Amino acid sequence: MALVKRLSLAEVRQRHGRTWEILDFYGGWVAYRRNPWSTSAARFGVSNVLGADDLDDLARQLEEQATAESRRKSRHPAQRPGDDA
């Protein structure tokens, strides 16, 4: 039987800590965005708050959020200053 390496809080914070605040919450884990996205981004799967029973599951959700953010940005790139709408 192979041993599965469990992620540490330091590893998850190193990867996602610039974007997310990650907290131990009553035996589970919560992450909330440091800079929330608008509610309209939810249609792309972007969330502002995540919760999980264990840190590995939270890390998986954070990776999914990074993918959703990329999908949202590719479909609606930010306008450059001076561009007409």
Protein backbone atom coordinates (compact mmCIF):
# COMPACT_ATOMS: atom_id res chain seq x y z
CA MET A 1 0.00 0.00 0.00
CA ALA A 2 1.45 3.38 -1.05
CA LEU A 3 1.52 6.23 1.41
CA VAL A 4 -0.28 9.38 0.31
CA LYS A 5 1.49 12.60 1.25
CA ARG A 6 -0.89 14.99 2.95
CA LEU A 7 -0.44 18.70 2.31
CA SER A 8 0.64 20.99 5.10
CA LEU A 9 -0.95 24.35 5.81
CA ALA A 10 2.36 26.01 4.89
CA GLU A 11 2.33 24.31 1.47
CA VAL A 12 -1.24 25.38 0.73
CA ARG A 13 -0.56 28.94 1.90
CA GLN A 14 2.60 29.10 -0.20
CA ARG A 15 0.62 28.15 -3.31
CA HIS A 16 -2.61 30.10 -2.69
CA GLY A 17 -1.94 32.55 0.14
CA ARG A 18 -1.58 35.63 -2.04
CA THR A 19 -5.14 35.20 -3.30
CA TRP A 20 -6.80 33.42 -0.38
CA GLU A 21 -6.89 33.69 3.40
CA ILE A 22 -6.86 30.10 4.70
CA LEU A 23 -8.12 29.29 8.19
CA ASP A 24 -8.62 26.27 10.42
CA PHE A 25 -12.31 26.49 11.28
CA TYR A 26 -13.78 24.24 13.99
CA GLY A 27 -12.04 21.10 12.76
CA GLY A 28 -12.44 21.92 9.07
CA TRP A 29 -10.95 24.51 6.74
CA VAL A 30 -12.22 27.75 5.23
CA ALA A 31 -10.68 29.92 2.54
CA TYR A 32 -11.93 33.34 1.52
CA ARG A 33 -10.64 35.63 -1.18
CA ARG A 34 -8.51 38.57 -0.19
CA ASN A 35 -10.07 40.50 -3.11
CA PRO A 36 -13.56 39.15 -3.87
CA TRP A 37 -14.84 38.70 -7.41
CA SER A 38 -18.22 40.07 -8.44
CA THR A 39 -21.21 37.77 -8.20
CA SER A 40 -21.43 37.67 -12.01
CA ALA A 41 -18.21 35.59 -12.07
CA ALA A 42 -20.12 32.74 -10.38
CA ARG A 43 -21.37 31.55 -13.79
CA PHE A 44 -17.76 30.59 -14.55
CA GLY A 45 -17.47 28.66 -11.29
CA VAL A 46 -15.63 31.41 -9.42
CA SER A 47 -16.38 31.49 -5.68
CA ASN A 48 -15.32 33.91 -2.96
CA VAL A 49 -15.57 31.46 -0.03
CA LEU A 50 -14.70 27.76 0.14
CA GLY A 51 -14.99 25.18 2.88
CA ALA A 52 -13.71 21.63 3.34
CA ASP A 53 -13.37 18.95 5.98
CA ASP A 54 -9.66 18.48 5.29
CA LEU A 55 -6.79 20.52 3.89
CA ASP A 56 -6.24 18.26 0.88
CA ASP A 57 -9.84 18.79 -0.25
CA LEU A 58 -9.53 22.54 0.27
CA ALA A 59 -6.31 22.57 -1.81
CA ARG A 60 -8.14 20.70 -4.59
CA GLN A 61 -10.94 23.29 -4.53
CA LEU A 62 -8.40 26.13 -4.62
CA GLU A 63 -6.82 24.58 -7.73
CA GLU A 64 -10.28 24.36 -9.31
CA GLN A 65 -10.78 28.04 -8.53
CA ALA A 66 -7.52 28.93 -10.28
CA THR A 67 -8.84 27.09 -13.36
CA ALA A 68 -12.21 28.88 -13.13
CA GLU A 69 -10.44 32.25 -12.83
CA SER A 70 -8.41 31.50 -15.96
CA ARG A 71 -11.57 30.48 -17.82
CA ARG A 72 -13.30 33.70 -16.75
CA LYS A 73 -10.30 35.86 -17.69
CA SER A 74 -9.94 34.24 -21.11
CA ARG A 75 -13.59 34.88 -21.97
CA HIS A 76 -13.71 38.40 -20.55
CA PRO A 77 -10.21 39.90 -20.53
CA ALA A 78 -9.74 43.06 -18.52
CA GLN A 79 -9.95 46.24 -20.55
CA ARG A 80 -6.80 48.24 -20.87
CA PRO A 81 -6.91 51.87 -19.75
CA GLY A 82 -7.87 54.09 -22.68
CA ASP A 83 -9.74 51.38 -24.62
CA ASP A 84 -13.27 52.32 -25.59
CA ALA A 85 -16.02 50.02 -24.33
